[in-house]
Amino acid sequence: MRTPPPEIAVDEHDVDEAPVDRVVPFPTLTSEALHGTAGQIVESVVPHSEAHPAAVLATLLARFGAVVGREPHVRADNRTHPARVCPLIVGKTSTGAKGTSAGVVDALFDAAKFADPGGVPKVGGLSSGEGLIDLVRDGTGDGPDGDEGVADKRVYIEEPEFAGTLSVMERNGSILPRVLREAWDGGVLRTLTRSSPLAATGAHIVIVGHATPGELKSRLTEAQLAGGTMNRFLPIASRRTKLCPDGGNIPEPVVGEVADILADRAALGRKIGEVKRTAAADELWRDQYGHVRRERPDGAVAKFLSRAVPQVLRLSLAYALLDGHHEVDEQHLRAALALWDYASASAEWLFGTEPDNRVQDGLVEFIAAAGAAGRSKTDIANGHFGKNRKGHEIDAVLRPLLADGRVRQEERKPQRGRPSTRYYSTTDPRN
């Protein structure tokens, strides 16, 4: 038998304690995105929940847009754009709080007493393009074989396993990608391959998807990115912001107050047709238009964000309607631009991180166990990896954890000696 090599102890002289560089940071939601009624709602519920404010905000705007329907709209490029936005909430399996943000918004809308034609129930699953059309199908006549169709064409879909939807899109003969694009655009939805063709006019379909970074990157194909399906979605990075051991339930008085606001603003919004910008908003839009339409380096991020202009316009409309306004003012456009900046940073973060794996999860648990004391790279090398990982290998595990915000690093510079870096788990409330 070969004699195993002697074990080499790892100490502070074997591990480079310099901070890990080239990290794509987890995005920061600025205060401008939390403008007006939308921001007030988010700030009233987030303290009671583990959900990330950006995920709550984007889901709130999307569901409100589903309720007000397609009548209130802005115009651009000779097309109408209602407040139809489709967020794609992206977060880790255990710490992304994707479902938590959906639960917060569900509680608010479930409590709202919307005037006729009422609210929009949440449905789940995107199994096929034909199934999506069937939800909003037109009638086919009054005869014995006729179908009266669907009267209310507003649909709100939550897909908690969006990676599965991506797999459906890749099936041979699937029309789901085309139907998703046409639904976002507001065109006529139809299938001509059945013995009884389906068609849907006037549909207003809002979709909120949930996915992990690893699933999304592993399932996304070049055809889905380049073909224009994914740029109809708004990438929103999400992570747990705190621990709520007492349940994370929104107090009933808060739910009731927000529900009344939602019902009131939805009733106002449904009475509005075309919405125009104020002079101040027009001036801001002219100033920012070139920046919004700027050319990005070719790649996945550029393809994901290639519908920047209509996305910003739709977001600004949702902010205005939720404020009860019949015009998009400067503050609504600033809020939309801020949320779009967050979505842009989310795409950068998404494609700069690595898929989930057990090695990363185990390291997060080890760092979290240290609490406020944190861990040095030497602690990690000796205490977690049992002296079996080199410094650059540890960096390779730390880098995506720092990028997605599960771990943060803090460099300390003593009066004497070399600087050191300590790592802290962001899931620990003590940090």
Protein backbone atom coordinates (compact mmCIF):
# COMPACT_ATOMS: atom_id res chain seq x y z
CA MET A 1 0.00 0.00 0.00
CA ARG A 2 1.07 3.55 -0.73
CA THR A 3 1.71 5.68 2.28
CA PRO A 4 -0.64 8.69 2.26
CA PRO A 5 1.09 12.05 2.17
CA PRO A 6 1.49 13.73 5.53
CA GLU A 7 -1.34 16.03 6.56
CA ILE A 8 -0.43 19.68 6.17
CA ALA A 9 -1.94 21.93 8.79
CA VAL A 10 -3.54 25.09 7.48
CA ASP A 11 -2.84 28.20 9.51
CA GLU A 12 -2.79 31.91 8.96
CA HIS A 13 0.44 31.61 6.95
CA ASP A 14 -1.07 29.09 4.49
CA VAL A 15 -4.28 30.96 3.74
CA ASP A 16 -4.44 34.33 2.05
CA GLU A 17 -6.73 36.34 4.32
CA ALA A 18 -7.31 39.05 1.71
CA PRO A 19 -10.95 39.68 0.83
CA VAL A 20 -12.44 37.83 -2.13
CA ASP A 21 -12.61 40.14 -5.15
CA ARG A 22 -14.59 40.32 -8.42
CA VAL A 23 -17.93 39.78 -6.69
CA VAL A 24 -21.21 40.72 -8.37
CA PRO A 25 -23.07 42.14 -5.37
CA PHE A 26 -26.65 41.41 -4.46
CA PRO A 27 -28.71 44.37 -5.75
CA THR A 28 -29.81 47.25 -3.54
CA LEU A 29 -33.35 48.63 -3.73
CA THR A 30 -33.16 52.42 -3.47
CA SER A 31 -35.69 54.56 -1.64
CA GLU A 32 -36.89 56.08 -4.94
CA ALA A 33 -38.43 52.74 -5.89
CA LEU A 34 -40.56 52.90 -2.76
CA HIS A 35 -42.46 55.98 -3.84
CA GLY A 36 -46.05 56.80 -2.99
CA THR A 37 -48.77 54.29 -2.24
CA ALA A 38 -46.77 51.33 -3.50
CA GLY A 39 -43.86 52.18 -1.22
CA GLN A 40 -46.12 52.89 1.75
CA ILE A 41 -47.75 49.49 1.38
CA VAL A 42 -44.42 47.71 1.15
CA GLU A 43 -43.00 49.57 4.14
CA SER A 44 -46.10 48.77 6.21
CA VAL A 45 -45.89 45.01 5.65
CA VAL A 46 -42.20 44.18 5.27
CA PRO A 47 -41.32 44.77 8.97
CA HIS A 48 -43.65 41.88 9.83
CA SER A 49 -42.28 39.47 7.21
CA GLU A 50 -39.09 37.74 6.13
CA ALA A 51 -39.81 38.76 2.52
CA HIS A 52 -37.52 41.05 0.55
CA PRO A 53 -39.08 44.47 -0.18
CA ALA A 54 -38.21 44.30 -3.89
CA ALA A 55 -40.03 40.98 -4.28
CA VAL A 56 -43.07 42.31 -2.41
CA LEU A 57 -43.03 45.54 -4.44
CA ALA A 58 -42.79 43.87 -7.84
CA THR A 59 -45.45 41.29 -6.99
CA LEU A 60 -47.74 44.02 -5.60
CA LEU A 61 -47.46 46.10 -8.78
CA ALA A 62 -48.02 43.04 -10.96
CA ARG A 63 -51.13 41.87 -9.15
CA PHE A 64 -52.58 45.38 -9.00
CA GLY A 65 -51.99 45.66 -12.72
CA ALA A 66 -53.89 42.42 -13.22
CA VAL A 67 -56.87 43.78 -11.28
CA VAL A 68 -57.13 47.14 -13.09
CA GLY A 69 -57.07 45.38 -16.44
CA ARG A 70 -56.04 46.54 -19.88
CA GLU A 71 -58.13 49.70 -20.21
CA PRO A 72 -55.75 52.14 -18.47
CA HIS A 73 -52.69 52.32 -20.71
CA VAL A 74 -49.83 54.40 -22.05
CA ARG A 75 -48.85 54.54 -25.71
CA ALA A 76 -45.39 54.08 -27.21
CA ASP A 77 -44.21 52.95 -30.66
CA ASN A 78 -47.83 52.99 -31.86
CA ARG A 79 -48.76 50.33 -29.31
CA THR A 80 -50.76 50.37 -26.10
CA HIS A 81 -49.05 49.34 -22.88
CA PRO A 82 -51.27 48.57 -19.88
CA ALA A 83 -49.91 48.05 -16.37
CA ARG A 84 -49.07 44.47 -17.34
CA VAL A 85 -45.75 43.51 -15.74
CA CYS A 86 -44.50 39.99 -15.14
CA PRO A 87 -41.85 39.71 -12.41
CA LEU A 88 -39.56 36.72 -12.21
CA ILE A 89 -38.57 36.42 -8.55
CA VAL A 90 -35.14 34.78 -8.27
CA GLY A 91 -33.73 33.52 -4.99
CA LYS A 92 -32.05 30.57 -3.35
CA THR A 93 -34.13 27.56 -2.38
CA SER A 94 -33.82 27.95 1.38
CA THR A 95 -33.22 31.68 1.77
CA GLY A 96 -34.85 33.31 -1.26
CA ALA A 97 -38.21 33.97 0.48
CA LYS A 98 -39.92 33.84 -2.92
CA GLY A 99 -43.08 32.20 -1.65
CA THR A 100 -43.01 34.44 1.40
CA SER A 101 -43.32 37.56 -0.75
CA ALA A 102 -46.20 35.99 -2.66
CA GLY A 103 -47.94 35.14 0.61
CA VAL A 104 -47.74 38.75 1.77
CA VAL A 105 -49.35 40.06 -1.42
CA ASP A 106 -51.96 37.27 -1.41
CA ALA A 107 -53.07 38.27 2.08
CA LEU A 108 -53.61 41.88 0.99
CA PHE A 109 -55.55 41.12 -2.19
CA ASP A 110 -57.58 38.31 -0.65
CA ALA A 111 -58.86 40.79 1.95
CA ALA A 112 -59.73 43.51 -0.58
CA LYS A 113 -63.39 43.91 -1.56
CA PHE A 114 -63.08 44.88 -5.20
CA ALA A 115 -66.05 46.43 -6.96
CA ASP A 116 -67.56 44.76 -10.01
CA PRO A 117 -66.08 42.95 -11.92
CA GLY A 118 -64.21 42.00 -8.76
CA GLY A 119 -60.69 40.88 -8.11
CA VAL A 120 -58.62 38.40 -10.07
CA PRO A 121 -58.17 34.98 -8.46
CA LYS A 122 -54.71 33.49 -8.53
CA VAL A 123 -54.23 30.39 -10.65
CA GLY A 124 -51.15 28.24 -10.91
CA GLY A 125 -49.34 26.30 -13.56
CA LEU A 126 -48.18 27.00 -17.10
CA SER A 127 -48.46 23.55 -18.62
CA SER A 128 -49.11 24.53 -22.24
CA GLY A 129 -49.88 27.39 -24.56
CA GLU A 130 -53.23 25.83 -25.37
CA GLY A 131 -54.11 25.71 -21.67
CA LEU A 132 -53.25 29.37 -21.25
CA ILE A 133 -55.46 30.37 -24.18
CA ASP A 134 -58.28 28.26 -22.78
CA LEU A 135 -58.30 30.37 -19.60
CA VAL A 136 -59.30 33.45 -21.64
CA ARG A 137 -60.91 31.85 -24.69
CA ASP A 138 -63.51 33.53 -26.87
CA GLY A 139 -66.97 32.07 -27.32
CA THR A 140 -67.76 29.87 -30.32
CA GLY A 141 -71.50 30.43 -30.72
CA ASP A 142 -74.84 29.46 -29.20
CA GLY A 143 -75.40 26.16 -30.98
CA PRO A 144 -75.43 22.73 -29.38
CA ASP A 145 -71.66 22.54 -29.70
CA GLY A 146 -71.11 26.19 -28.84
CA ASP A 147 -69.02 27.55 -25.99
CA GLU A 148 -69.91 30.85 -24.37
CA GLY A 149 -66.24 31.47 -23.68
CA VAL A 150 -64.76 33.46 -20.80
CA ALA A 151 -66.24 36.88 -20.05
CA ASP A 152 -63.54 38.22 -17.70
CA LYS A 153 -60.24 38.07 -19.58
CA ARG A 154 -58.10 39.13 -16.61
CA VAL A 155 -55.85 36.34 -15.35
CA TYR A 156 -53.21 36.35 -12.62
CA ILE A 157 -50.88 33.35 -12.72
CA GLU A 158 -48.25 32.43 -10.16
CA GLU A 159 -45.75 29.81 -11.27
CA PRO A 160 -43.69 28.71 -8.25
CA GLU A 161 -41.60 26.33 -10.38
CA PHE A 162 -40.71 28.50 -13.34
CA ALA A 163 -37.82 26.21 -14.21
CA GLY A 164 -40.46 23.63 -15.09
CA THR A 165 -42.09 26.16 -17.39
CA LEU A 166 -38.78 26.57 -19.20
CA SER A 167 -38.72 22.81 -19.75
CA VAL A 168 -42.26 22.92 -21.17
CA MET A 169 -41.14 25.61 -23.61
CA GLU A 170 -38.49 23.29 -24.99
CA ARG A 171 -40.89 20.46 -25.84
CA ASN A 172 -41.20 19.72 -29.50
CA GLY A 173 -44.19 21.57 -30.92
CA SER A 174 -44.79 23.68 -27.79
CA ILE A 175 -46.54 26.97 -28.55
CA LEU A 176 -46.09 28.27 -25.00
CA PRO A 177 -43.19 30.65 -25.82
CA ARG A 178 -45.19 32.27 -28.62
CA VAL A 179 -48.33 32.54 -26.50
CA LEU A 180 -46.38 34.12 -23.61
CA ARG A 181 -44.93 36.74 -25.94
CA GLU A 182 -48.30 37.52 -27.52
CA ALA A 183 -50.00 37.66 -24.10
CA TRP A 184 -47.46 40.22 -22.86
CA ASP A 185 -47.86 42.21 -26.06
CA GLY A 186 -51.65 42.12 -25.80
CA GLY A 187 -52.22 40.49 -29.18
CA VAL A 188 -54.78 37.91 -30.26
CA LEU A 189 -53.95 34.48 -28.84
CA ARG A 190 -54.81 31.54 -31.04
CA THR A 191 -53.93 27.98 -31.92
CA LEU A 192 -54.68 26.57 -35.34
CA THR A 193 -53.31 23.06 -34.86
CA ARG A 194 -56.38 21.61 -33.10
CA SER A 195 -59.48 20.20 -34.73
CA SER A 196 -61.34 22.91 -32.77
CA PRO A 197 -59.07 25.97 -32.88
CA LEU A 198 -58.92 28.23 -29.84
CA ALA A 199 -58.76 32.00 -29.94
CA ALA A 200 -58.70 34.75 -27.31
CA THR A 201 -59.07 38.47 -27.88
CA GLY A 202 -58.73 41.20 -25.28
CA ALA A 203 -56.82 38.99 -22.84
CA HIS A 204 -54.99 40.57 -19.90
CA ILE A 205 -52.61 37.95 -18.49
CA VAL A 206 -50.13 38.71 -15.72
CA ILE A 207 -47.59 36.08 -14.69
CA VAL A 208 -45.32 36.00 -11.64
CA GLY A 209 -42.65 33.30 -11.75
CA HIS A 210 -40.33 31.97 -9.04
CA ALA A 211 -36.97 30.31 -9.69
CA THR A 212 -33.58 29.73 -8.13
CA PRO A 213 -30.47 31.15 -9.82
CA GLY A 214 -29.10 27.68 -10.47
CA GLU A 215 -32.31 26.31 -11.98
CA LEU A 216 -32.82 29.35 -14.14
CA LYS A 217 -29.32 29.38 -15.58
CA SER A 218 -29.24 25.64 -16.16
CA ARG A 219 -32.65 25.54 -17.91
CA LEU A 220 -32.46 28.76 -19.91
CA THR A 221 -31.62 28.22 -23.55
CA GLU A 222 -30.20 30.62 -26.10
CA ALA A 223 -33.46 30.38 -28.05
CA GLN A 224 -35.48 31.56 -25.03
CA LEU A 225 -33.14 34.50 -24.46
CA ALA A 226 -32.62 35.50 -28.07
CA GLY A 227 -36.20 34.73 -29.09
CA GLY A 228 -37.67 37.41 -26.87
CA THR A 229 -39.60 35.30 -24.37
CA MET A 230 -37.51 36.08 -21.33
CA ASN A 231 -37.27 39.83 -21.97
CA ARG A 232 -41.01 40.02 -21.26
CA PHE A 233 -40.18 39.14 -17.64
CA LEU A 234 -38.74 41.45 -14.98
CA PRO A 235 -35.89 39.75 -13.06
CA ILE A 236 -36.11 40.52 -9.34
CA ALA A 237 -33.50 39.19 -6.91
CA SER A 238 -34.94 38.07 -3.59
CA ARG A 239 -33.59 36.84 -0.29
CA ARG A 240 -34.76 36.54 3.28
CA THR A 241 -34.23 39.81 5.12
CA LYS A 242 -34.75 38.66 8.69
CA LEU A 243 -35.98 35.77 10.82
CA CYS A 244 -39.57 35.91 12.10
CA PRO A 245 -39.93 33.00 14.56
CA ASP A 246 -43.41 34.17 15.60
CA GLY A 247 -44.93 33.44 12.21
CA GLY A 248 -44.31 36.45 10.01
CA ASN A 249 -48.00 37.29 9.80
CA ILE A 250 -49.14 40.77 8.77
CA PRO A 251 -51.30 42.34 11.56
CA GLU A 252 -54.99 42.38 10.67
CA PRO A 253 -55.33 46.18 11.00
CA VAL A 254 -52.52 46.63 8.45
CA VAL A 255 -54.09 44.10 6.09
CA GLY A 256 -57.47 45.79 6.39
CA GLU A 257 -56.13 49.27 5.75
CA VAL A 258 -54.12 48.20 2.70
CA ALA A 259 -57.01 46.14 1.33
CA ASP A 260 -59.29 49.19 1.40
CA ILE A 261 -56.67 51.24 -0.48
CA LEU A 262 -56.27 48.55 -3.12
CA ALA A 263 -60.02 48.31 -3.69
CA ASP A 264 -60.37 52.08 -3.95
CA ARG A 265 -57.46 52.57 -6.36
CA ALA A 266 -58.53 49.65 -8.54
CA ALA A 267 -62.01 51.14 -8.90
CA LEU A 268 -60.49 54.46 -9.96
CA GLY A 269 -58.02 52.87 -12.34
CA ARG A 270 -60.61 50.85 -14.23
CA LYS A 271 -62.35 54.08 -15.25
CA ILE A 272 -59.25 55.46 -16.97
CA GLY A 273 -58.30 55.00 -20.60
CA GLU A 274 -55.11 56.45 -22.07
CA VAL A 275 -52.72 57.86 -19.48
CA LYS A 276 -50.23 60.55 -20.47
CA ARG A 277 -47.19 62.00 -18.77
CA THR A 278 -47.03 65.38 -17.12
CA ALA A 279 -44.61 68.00 -18.46
CA ALA A 280 -42.17 67.23 -15.62
CA ALA A 281 -42.32 63.50 -16.39
CA ASP A 282 -41.81 64.20 -20.09
CA GLU A 283 -38.68 66.20 -19.33
CA LEU A 284 -37.31 63.43 -17.11
CA TRP A 285 -38.09 60.77 -19.73
CA ARG A 286 -36.24 62.69 -22.45
CA ASP A 287 -33.27 63.03 -20.11
CA GLN A 288 -33.23 59.32 -19.18
CA TYR A 289 -34.33 57.77 -22.46
CA GLY A 290 -30.84 57.36 -23.88
CA HIS A 291 -29.64 55.72 -20.67
CA VAL A 292 -32.58 53.30 -20.62
CA ARG A 293 -31.99 52.37 -24.27
CA ARG A 294 -28.21 52.15 -23.99
CA GLU A 295 -26.48 49.27 -25.68
CA ARG A 296 -25.20 46.62 -23.30
CA PRO A 297 -22.36 44.18 -23.93
CA ASP A 298 -23.69 41.22 -25.86
CA GLY A 299 -24.66 38.31 -23.67
CA ALA A 300 -27.39 36.88 -21.46
CA VAL A 301 -27.86 40.09 -19.46
CA ALA A 302 -28.34 42.21 -22.57
CA LYS A 303 -30.90 39.77 -23.99
CA PHE A 304 -32.81 39.59 -20.69
CA LEU A 305 -33.05 43.39 -20.45
CA SER A 306 -33.71 44.25 -24.09
CA ARG A 307 -37.28 45.52 -23.49
CA ALA A 308 -36.23 48.24 -21.10
CA VAL A 309 -38.40 51.05 -22.51
CA PRO A 310 -41.82 49.32 -22.38
CA GLN A 311 -40.97 47.76 -19.01
CA VAL A 312 -40.24 51.18 -17.49
CA LEU A 313 -43.35 52.72 -19.03
CA ARG A 314 -45.58 49.96 -17.70
CA LEU A 315 -44.06 50.22 -14.24
CA SER A 316 -44.57 53.98 -14.19
CA LEU A 317 -48.23 53.46 -15.10
CA ALA A 318 -48.70 50.95 -12.27
CA TYR A 319 -47.17 53.39 -9.77
CA ALA A 320 -49.45 56.20 -11.01
CA LEU A 321 -52.63 54.12 -10.89
CA LEU A 322 -51.83 52.86 -7.41
CA ASP A 323 -51.48 56.50 -6.37
CA GLY A 324 -54.94 57.17 -7.80
CA HIS A 325 -53.55 59.48 -10.52
CA HIS A 326 -54.75 59.76 -14.13
CA GLU A 327 -51.32 61.01 -15.29
CA VAL A 328 -47.80 59.65 -14.91
CA ASP A 329 -45.91 62.28 -12.96
CA GLU A 330 -42.18 62.71 -12.45
CA GLN A 331 -42.13 60.76 -9.17
CA HIS A 332 -43.87 57.77 -10.78
CA LEU A 333 -41.31 57.66 -13.56
CA ARG A 334 -38.43 58.02 -11.08
CA ALA A 335 -39.82 55.10 -9.09
CA ALA A 336 -40.13 53.00 -12.24
CA LEU A 337 -36.57 53.83 -13.27
CA ALA A 338 -35.33 52.88 -9.79
CA LEU A 339 -37.12 49.53 -9.90
CA TRP A 340 -35.80 48.93 -13.40
CA ASP A 341 -32.29 49.65 -12.10
CA TYR A 342 -32.91 46.98 -9.47
CA ALA A 343 -34.08 44.55 -12.15
CA SER A 344 -30.98 45.32 -14.21
CA ALA A 345 -28.73 44.70 -11.23
CA SER A 346 -30.68 41.49 -10.56
CA ALA A 347 -29.83 40.23 -14.03
CA GLU A 348 -26.15 41.08 -13.50
CA TRP A 349 -26.24 39.29 -10.16
CA LEU A 350 -28.08 36.30 -11.61
CA PHE A 351 -25.56 35.62 -14.36
CA GLY A 352 -22.62 36.33 -12.08
CA THR A 353 -23.46 33.61 -9.54
CA GLU A 354 -23.22 29.84 -9.58
CA PRO A 355 -25.89 27.15 -9.11
CA ASP A 356 -26.87 26.02 -5.62
CA ASN A 357 -24.78 23.22 -4.20
CA ARG A 358 -24.35 21.45 -0.89
CA VAL A 359 -20.80 22.72 -0.43
CA GLN A 360 -22.03 26.31 -0.41
CA ASP A 361 -24.96 25.52 1.89
CA GLY A 362 -22.68 23.73 4.34
CA LEU A 363 -20.26 26.65 4.46
CA VAL A 364 -23.11 29.10 5.12
CA GLU A 365 -24.23 26.97 8.07
CA PHE A 366 -20.68 26.87 9.46
CA ILE A 367 -20.29 30.65 9.21
CA ALA A 368 -23.75 31.24 10.69
CA ALA A 369 -22.89 29.09 13.71
CA ALA A 370 -20.24 31.64 14.71
CA GLY A 371 -22.87 34.35 15.05
CA ALA A 372 -21.61 37.89 15.49
CA ALA A 373 -17.99 36.68 15.84
CA GLY A 374 -17.87 35.57 12.23
CA ARG A 375 -15.21 33.30 10.73
CA SER A 376 -11.81 33.94 9.22
CA LYS A 377 -10.62 32.07 6.16
CA THR A 378 -8.30 30.12 8.43
CA ASP A 379 -11.29 29.13 10.58
CA ILE A 380 -13.05 27.96 7.45
CA ALA A 381 -10.03 26.02 6.17
CA ASN A 382 -9.32 24.25 9.46
CA GLY A 383 -12.72 24.05 11.13
CA HIS A 384 -15.01 23.39 8.20
CA PHE A 385 -12.93 21.85 5.44
CA GLY A 386 -10.69 19.89 7.80
CA LYS A 387 -7.50 21.31 6.26
CA ASN A 388 -8.40 19.70 2.93
CA ARG A 389 -8.95 22.84 0.85
CA LYS A 390 -6.45 25.35 -0.48
CA GLY A 391 -6.99 29.09 -0.29
CA HIS A 392 -8.06 29.52 -3.91
CA GLU A 393 -10.50 26.61 -3.57
CA ILE A 394 -12.10 28.28 -0.55
CA ASP A 395 -12.37 31.52 -2.53
CA ALA A 396 -14.21 29.62 -5.26
CA VAL A 397 -16.86 28.59 -2.73
CA LEU A 398 -17.04 31.98 -1.02
CA ARG A 399 -17.33 34.05 -4.19
CA PRO A 400 -20.91 33.06 -5.18
CA LEU A 401 -22.04 33.27 -1.54
CA LEU A 402 -20.79 36.85 -1.38
CA ALA A 403 -22.34 37.58 -4.77
CA ASP A 404 -25.83 36.45 -3.83
CA GLY A 405 -25.67 38.06 -0.40
CA ARG A 406 -25.81 34.96 1.77
CA VAL A 407 -22.43 35.88 3.28
CA ARG A 408 -20.78 39.25 3.76
CA GLN A 409 -17.10 40.01 4.35
CA GLU A 410 -15.51 42.65 6.56
CA GLU A 411 -11.85 43.59 6.35
CA ARG A 412 -10.09 44.55 9.57
CA LYS A 413 -6.88 46.59 9.58
CA PRO A 414 -5.02 46.40 12.92
CA GLN A 415 -2.41 48.94 13.92
CA ARG A 416 0.21 46.24 13.58
CA GLY A 417 0.37 43.18 11.43
CA ARG A 418 -1.46 42.17 8.28
CA PRO A 419 -5.13 42.99 7.63
CA SER A 420 -7.58 40.17 8.15
CA THR A 421 -10.99 39.43 6.72
CA ARG A 422 -13.93 37.91 8.56
CA TYR A 423 -17.09 36.42 7.08
CA TYR A 424 -20.60 36.66 8.47
CA SER A 425 -23.85 34.94 7.56
CA THR A 426 -26.57 37.40 6.53
CA THR A 427 -29.24 34.90 7.60
CA ASP A 428 -28.22 35.31 11.23
CA PRO A 429 -30.24 38.14 12.90
CA ARG A 430 -27.19 39.02 15.03
CA ASN A 431 -25.40 40.14 11.86
